[in-house]
Protein backbone atom coordinates (compact mmCIF):
# COMPACT_ATOMS: atom_id res chain seq x y z
CA MET A 1 0.00 0.00 0.00
CA THR A 2 1.29 3.44 -0.83
CA SER A 3 2.49 5.17 2.35
CA ARG A 4 0.22 8.17 2.70
CA PRO A 5 -0.42 9.50 6.20
CA LEU A 6 -3.88 10.86 6.86
CA PRO A 7 -4.28 14.40 8.16
CA SER A 8 -5.10 13.84 11.83
CA VAL A 9 -7.12 16.17 14.03
CA ALA A 10 -7.16 15.10 17.68
CA PRO A 11 -10.61 14.90 19.27
CA THR A 12 -11.29 16.93 22.39
CA GLY A 13 -12.95 15.73 25.57
CA LEU A 14 -11.59 12.16 25.36
CA PRO A 15 -10.24 10.20 28.32
CA ARG A 16 -6.57 9.30 28.19
CA ARG A 17 -7.52 5.79 27.10
CA GLY A 18 -10.55 4.28 25.45
CA ARG A 19 -13.68 5.85 24.07
CA SER A 20 -15.49 9.03 24.98
CA PRO A 21 -18.42 8.78 27.42
CA GLN A 22 -20.74 9.57 24.50
CA ALA A 23 -19.36 6.66 22.47
CA LEU A 24 -19.72 4.27 25.40
CA ALA A 25 -23.35 5.37 25.82
CA VAL A 26 -24.13 4.87 22.13
CA ALA A 27 -22.58 1.39 22.11
CA ALA A 28 -24.45 0.40 25.28
CA PHE A 29 -27.76 1.58 23.83
CA LEU A 30 -27.21 -0.30 20.57
CA THR A 31 -26.26 -3.47 22.42
CA ALA A 32 -29.29 -3.28 24.70
CA THR A 33 -31.78 -2.71 21.88
CA ARG A 34 -30.43 -5.24 19.37
CA ARG A 35 -32.68 -8.29 19.12
CA ARG A 36 -32.81 -11.44 17.02
CA ARG A 37 -35.61 -11.65 14.45
CA SER A 38 -36.59 -13.77 11.47
CA LEU A 39 -34.94 -12.98 8.14
CA GLY A 40 -38.12 -11.39 6.79
CA GLU A 41 -38.50 -9.25 9.91
CA ARG A 42 -34.85 -8.25 9.74
CA VAL A 43 -34.99 -7.04 6.14
CA ALA A 44 -38.36 -5.33 6.64
CA GLY A 45 -37.09 -3.77 9.84
CA VAL A 46 -34.21 -2.00 8.14
CA ARG A 47 -36.04 -0.91 4.98
CA LEU A 48 -36.94 2.81 4.82
CA PRO A 49 -37.06 3.55 1.09
CA THR A 50 -38.38 7.13 1.38
CA SER A 51 -35.62 9.72 1.64
CA ALA A 52 -35.71 12.45 4.27
CA PRO A 53 -35.66 15.99 2.82
CA PRO A 54 -32.58 18.17 3.37
CA ALA A 55 -32.37 19.21 7.01
CA ALA A 56 -32.62 22.83 8.14
CA ARG A 57 -28.93 22.92 8.95
CA VAL A 58 -28.17 22.10 5.30
CA ARG A 59 -30.03 25.25 4.25
CA ASP A 60 -27.98 27.21 6.79
CA VAL A 61 -24.81 26.49 4.80
CA ALA A 62 -25.98 25.84 1.23
CA ALA A 63 -28.45 26.85 -1.45
CA VAL A 64 -30.53 23.72 -2.03
CA THR A 65 -31.90 22.76 -5.44
CA SER A 66 -32.64 19.47 -7.15
CA TYR A 67 -33.03 18.07 -10.64
CA PRO A 68 -34.44 14.86 -12.11
CA LEU A 69 -32.34 12.14 -13.69
CA ASP A 70 -34.09 9.17 -15.29
CA GLY A 71 -36.93 9.10 -12.77
CA HIS A 72 -34.84 9.84 -9.69
CA THR A 73 -33.69 13.00 -7.89
CA VAL A 74 -30.24 14.54 -7.54
CA TRP A 75 -29.88 17.14 -4.80
CA ARG A 76 -27.47 20.00 -5.45
CA LEU A 77 -26.07 21.85 -2.44
CA GLN A 78 -24.11 24.98 -3.36
CA PRO A 79 -22.14 26.53 -0.48
CA LEU A 80 -23.17 29.95 0.78
CA ALA A 81 -19.58 30.70 1.81
CA PRO A 82 -16.42 30.07 -0.24
CA PRO A 83 -13.73 27.63 0.91
CA ALA A 84 -11.65 29.00 3.77
CA THR A 85 -8.55 28.19 1.72
CA GLY A 86 -9.68 30.66 -0.93
CA GLY A 87 -9.21 28.12 -3.71
CA ALA A 88 -11.65 26.63 -6.21
CA VAL A 89 -14.83 25.08 -4.82
CA PRO A 90 -14.44 21.27 -4.58
CA LEU A 91 -17.18 19.03 -5.96
CA VAL A 92 -18.25 16.12 -3.78
CA VAL A 93 -20.66 13.49 -5.08
CA TYR A 94 -22.01 11.85 -1.92
CA LEU A 95 -23.70 8.44 -2.14
CA HIS A 96 -25.71 7.63 0.98
CA GLY A 97 -25.68 4.32 2.80
CA GLY A 98 -28.60 2.11 3.75
CA ALA A 99 -27.88 -1.45 2.55
CA PHE A 100 -29.10 -0.48 -0.97
CA LEU A 101 -32.61 -0.67 0.57
CA ASN A 102 -32.95 2.72 2.25
CA GLY A 103 -33.25 6.34 1.23
CA ILE A 104 -31.36 9.31 2.63
CA ASP A 105 -31.45 9.55 6.43
CA PRO A 106 -31.37 12.77 8.53
CA PHE A 107 -27.93 11.68 9.78
CA HIS A 108 -26.66 11.86 6.20
CA TRP A 109 -27.92 15.42 5.80
CA ARG A 110 -26.34 16.51 9.09
CA PHE A 111 -23.01 15.02 8.03
CA VAL A 112 -23.19 16.70 4.62
CA ALA A 113 -24.03 20.05 6.25
CA GLY A 114 -20.94 19.74 8.43
CA LEU A 115 -18.82 18.80 5.43
CA ILE A 116 -19.96 21.90 3.53
CA ALA A 117 -19.31 24.12 6.56
CA ARG A 118 -15.78 22.72 6.93
CA THR A 119 -14.78 22.72 3.25
CA GLY A 120 -16.98 25.12 1.27
CA ALA A 121 -17.58 22.24 -1.15
CA GLU A 122 -20.48 21.88 -3.54
CA VAL A 123 -22.15 18.55 -2.79
CA LEU A 124 -24.39 16.47 -5.03
CA VAL A 125 -26.51 13.88 -3.22
CA PRO A 126 -28.13 11.46 -5.69
CA GLU A 127 -31.21 9.45 -4.71
CA TYR A 128 -30.06 6.37 -6.61
CA PRO A 129 -32.39 3.45 -7.50
CA LEU A 130 -32.96 1.16 -4.50
CA THR A 131 -33.49 -2.57 -4.23
CA PRO A 132 -35.99 -4.03 -4.70
CA PRO A 133 -36.70 -3.75 -7.57
CA ALA A 134 -33.38 -2.27 -8.74
CA THR A 135 -30.20 -4.35 -8.83
CA VAL A 136 -26.61 -3.41 -9.55
CA GLU A 137 -27.45 -3.59 -13.26
CA GLN A 138 -29.73 -0.55 -12.89
CA THR A 139 -28.19 1.28 -9.92
CA LEU A 140 -24.54 1.37 -11.00
CA PRO A 141 -25.12 2.79 -14.53
CA TRP A 142 -27.48 5.38 -13.04
CA SER A 143 -24.84 6.38 -10.48
CA VAL A 144 -22.20 6.72 -13.20
CA ALA A 145 -24.57 8.95 -15.18
CA ALA A 146 -25.25 11.10 -12.09
CA TYR A 147 -21.51 11.51 -11.56
CA ALA A 148 -20.12 11.85 -15.08
CA GLU A 149 -21.32 15.24 -16.35
CA PRO A 150 -20.88 17.23 -13.10
CA ALA A 151 -17.43 15.69 -12.62
CA ALA A 152 -16.35 16.54 -16.17
CA SER A 153 -17.61 20.11 -15.77
CA ALA A 154 -15.83 20.55 -12.44
CA ARG A 155 -12.57 19.15 -13.79
CA ALA A 156 -12.76 21.54 -16.77
CA GLN A 157 -13.03 24.39 -14.25
CA GLY A 158 -9.94 23.22 -12.39
CA ARG A 159 -11.94 22.07 -9.38
CA ARG A 160 -11.19 19.09 -7.16
CA VAL A 161 -13.54 16.10 -7.67
CA VAL A 162 -14.33 13.69 -4.82
CA LEU A 163 -16.56 10.61 -4.83
CA MET A 164 -17.71 9.80 -1.30
CA GLY A 165 -20.10 7.39 0.35
CA ASP A 166 -20.91 5.61 3.57
CA SER A 167 -21.62 1.89 4.01
CA ALA A 168 -23.47 0.69 0.87
CA GLY A 169 -22.93 4.17 -0.54
CA ALA A 170 -19.18 3.66 -0.12
CA ASN A 171 -19.53 0.47 -2.14
CA LEU A 172 -21.36 2.40 -4.86
CA ALA A 173 -18.85 5.27 -4.76
CA LEU A 174 -15.99 2.85 -5.36
CA THR A 175 -17.74 0.91 -8.13
CA THR A 176 -18.75 4.21 -9.75
CA ALA A 177 -15.12 5.33 -9.73
CA VAL A 178 -13.99 2.03 -11.27
CA ALA A 179 -16.69 2.21 -13.95
CA ALA A 180 -15.83 5.84 -14.75
CA ARG A 181 -12.14 4.95 -15.09
CA ASP A 182 -12.89 1.99 -17.34
CA ALA A 183 -15.21 4.08 -19.55
CA GLY A 184 -12.64 6.84 -20.02
CA LEU A 185 -14.68 9.31 -17.96
CA THR A 186 -13.40 11.73 -15.33
CA VAL A 187 -11.46 9.87 -12.65
CA PRO A 188 -12.05 11.44 -9.22
CA ASP A 189 -9.15 13.06 -7.43
CA GLU A 190 -10.17 11.10 -4.35
CA VAL A 191 -12.55 8.30 -3.41
CA ALA A 192 -13.49 8.75 0.26
CA LEU A 193 -15.03 5.69 1.91
CA LEU A 194 -16.82 5.83 5.27
CA SER A 195 -17.46 2.48 7.01
CA PRO A 196 -17.30 0.83 3.58
CA TRP A 197 -19.34 -2.31 2.84
CA LEU A 198 -17.13 -3.71 0.09
CA ASP A 199 -17.70 -7.48 0.30
CA VAL A 200 -21.43 -8.06 -0.07
CA ALA A 201 -20.85 -11.82 0.19
CA GLY A 202 -19.54 -11.34 3.73
CA LEU A 203 -16.39 -13.37 3.11
CA SER A 204 -13.68 -10.92 4.18
CA PRO A 205 -11.40 -12.68 6.68
CA GLY A 206 -12.50 -12.05 10.27
CA GLY A 207 -15.94 -10.72 9.39
CA ILE A 208 -17.88 -13.50 11.11
CA ALA A 209 -15.86 -13.15 14.32
CA LEU A 210 -16.34 -9.37 14.29
CA ASP A 211 -20.11 -9.84 14.12
CA ARG A 212 -20.10 -10.92 17.77
CA HIS A 213 -18.66 -7.55 18.81
CA ASP A 214 -20.74 -5.34 16.48
CA PRO A 215 -23.68 -3.85 18.41
CA MET A 216 -25.26 -2.26 15.36
CA LEU A 217 -25.24 -4.25 12.12
CA ASP A 218 -27.44 -7.27 11.44
CA ARG A 219 -25.18 -9.56 9.43
CA VAL A 220 -27.93 -11.89 8.19
CA ALA A 221 -30.17 -9.05 6.99
CA GLY A 222 -27.17 -7.44 5.31
CA LEU A 223 -26.31 -10.60 3.41
CA GLU A 224 -29.90 -10.87 2.17
CA ALA A 225 -29.95 -7.20 1.14
CA GLY A 226 -26.70 -7.76 -0.73
CA ARG A 227 -28.12 -10.78 -2.52
CA MET A 228 -31.13 -8.74 -3.66
CA TYR A 229 -28.89 -5.91 -4.87
CA ALA A 230 -26.57 -8.29 -6.73
CA GLY A 231 -29.31 -9.87 -8.83
CA ALA A 232 -28.10 -12.04 -11.71
CA PRO A 233 -24.40 -11.02 -11.60
CA GLY A 234 -24.10 -12.48 -8.09
CA VAL A 235 -22.45 -11.23 -4.92
CA ALA A 236 -18.89 -12.09 -6.02
CA ASP A 237 -19.04 -9.81 -9.08
CA PRO A 238 -16.61 -6.86 -8.59
CA ARG A 239 -19.43 -4.46 -9.51
CA VAL A 240 -21.25 -5.75 -6.42
CA SER A 241 -18.30 -6.49 -4.12
CA PRO A 242 -15.57 -4.01 -5.12
CA VAL A 243 -13.13 -5.55 -2.64
CA HIS A 244 -12.45 -7.85 -5.63
CA ALA A 245 -12.06 -5.01 -8.17
CA ASP A 246 -8.91 -3.74 -9.87
CA LEU A 247 -8.37 -0.35 -8.22
CA ALA A 248 -5.30 0.77 -10.17
CA GLY A 249 -5.24 4.48 -10.92
CA LEU A 250 -7.60 5.43 -8.09
CA ARG A 251 -6.67 7.34 -4.94
CA ILE A 252 -8.70 5.97 -2.04
CA THR A 253 -8.99 6.95 1.61
CA SER A 254 -11.13 4.91 4.00
CA TRP A 255 -12.26 5.23 7.62
CA CYS A 256 -13.93 2.61 9.82
CA GLY A 257 -14.43 1.80 13.49
CA ASP A 258 -13.04 -1.43 14.88
CA ARG A 259 -16.39 -2.47 16.43
CA ASP A 260 -17.89 -2.42 12.94
CA GLN A 261 -17.92 -5.78 11.19
CA VAL A 262 -17.24 -4.16 7.81
CA VAL A 263 -13.79 -3.20 9.11
CA ALA A 264 -12.96 -6.69 7.80
CA ASP A 265 -13.68 -5.35 4.30
CA GLN A 266 -11.47 -2.31 4.89
CA ARG A 267 -8.65 -4.56 6.10
CA GLU A 268 -9.01 -6.77 3.02
CA LEU A 269 -8.93 -3.65 0.84
CA ALA A 270 -5.71 -2.58 2.56
CA ARG A 271 -4.19 -6.06 2.15
CA ARG A 272 -4.95 -6.18 -1.57
CA ALA A 273 -3.71 -2.61 -2.03
CA ALA A 274 -0.42 -3.43 -0.34
CA ALA A 275 0.07 -6.44 -2.62
CA ALA A 276 -0.80 -4.52 -5.79
CA GLY A 277 0.79 -1.16 -4.97
CA TRP A 278 -2.48 0.76 -5.17
CA ASP A 279 -2.86 4.22 -3.63
CA VAL A 280 -5.01 3.39 -0.61
CA ALA A 281 -4.86 4.85 2.90
CA THR A 282 -7.00 3.53 5.75
CA ARG A 283 -7.79 4.54 9.31
CA GLU A 284 -9.34 2.35 12.03
CA VAL A 285 -10.84 4.26 14.94
CA PRO A 286 -10.83 2.24 18.18
CA GLY A 287 -14.16 1.31 19.72
CA MET A 288 -16.31 2.92 17.03
CA VAL A 289 -19.45 1.42 15.49
CA HIS A 290 -20.78 1.45 11.94
CA CYS A 291 -20.95 4.94 10.38
CA PHE A 292 -19.92 6.54 13.68
CA MET A 293 -18.65 9.60 11.79
CA LEU A 294 -22.27 10.51 11.05
CA ILE A 295 -23.10 10.73 14.79
CA ASP A 296 -21.83 14.24 15.42
CA LEU A 297 -22.41 14.17 19.18
CA LEU A 298 -19.32 11.91 19.41
CA PRO A 299 -15.92 13.62 19.78
CA GLU A 300 -14.46 10.77 17.71
CA ALA A 301 -16.95 11.53 14.93
CA ARG A 302 -16.05 15.22 14.90
CA ALA A 303 -12.34 14.42 14.75
CA THR A 304 -12.87 11.99 11.87
CA ALA A 305 -15.12 14.49 10.07
CA ALA A 306 -12.26 16.99 10.27
CA GLU A 307 -9.92 14.41 8.70
CA ILE A 308 -12.46 13.76 5.94
CA ALA A 309 -12.78 17.49 5.31
CA ALA A 310 -9.00 17.81 5.00
CA VAL A 311 -8.98 15.05 2.38
CA VAL A 312 -11.80 16.76 0.46
CA SER A 313 -9.82 20.00 0.47
CA GLY A 314 -6.70 18.23 -0.76
CA GLY A 315 -4.77 18.42 2.48
């Protein structure tokens, strides 16, 4: 793996060792409320296909508009204040998580608002086709189309282009970058992955063992959601599980907590990158759960969000 240190911003309010009190409380709540259900109940219980509208705090930092693309919506958030660096406005295409089943959550909007406030970036948030009925054969081409023209326009203006996503959205961000590269389209300056779900088959070494320590994710429901998203190509296809993809020519930075079972996917990504010489940098944050960086009450989340902002700005 290319040696590339991440810009680190130390969190405040942390004990000398271990997690913040807020993080301990979140983990305890998740552990106490997690229960075992049938497969059907599990999938139905996580499915929220309707997206939340942009939160008020988004409108505090950005002009909010939207436009249609092949029957779906792309949100455009243009910053009200320029970047503090005084440079060109970065473009971030942010693909939300949700196991390919769920729409945009209020936590996504709050994270995006913070990202705009920190970076002065323009952010596009596509409402990509969800499963069911969509599979990778519909969702991935749509995502590439949502990315391609804005990215080409931004690059022509000398602006930085970043593809970003969390969880399933991180999967889609990475496969979109690979597809854009292979099609001769604009290659992003950075692919930023947050708690990335990169092996939909759940076969990354250590993943099953990590499930016992993950208070948040439902492994069985996730595997079923992945199977539905994969459709005919199957879960091992690199378009579905980009941990198997050729990532040459991409610059990738990834963050994950070590109480998140998908950290196994991030570790496998790092292992493959080291073997192939790809430009990949990863960070594991001790004690953190899935998509912790979206929970802005956590000092660890705020510190990681500052690191992400530095990467967006090219730091």
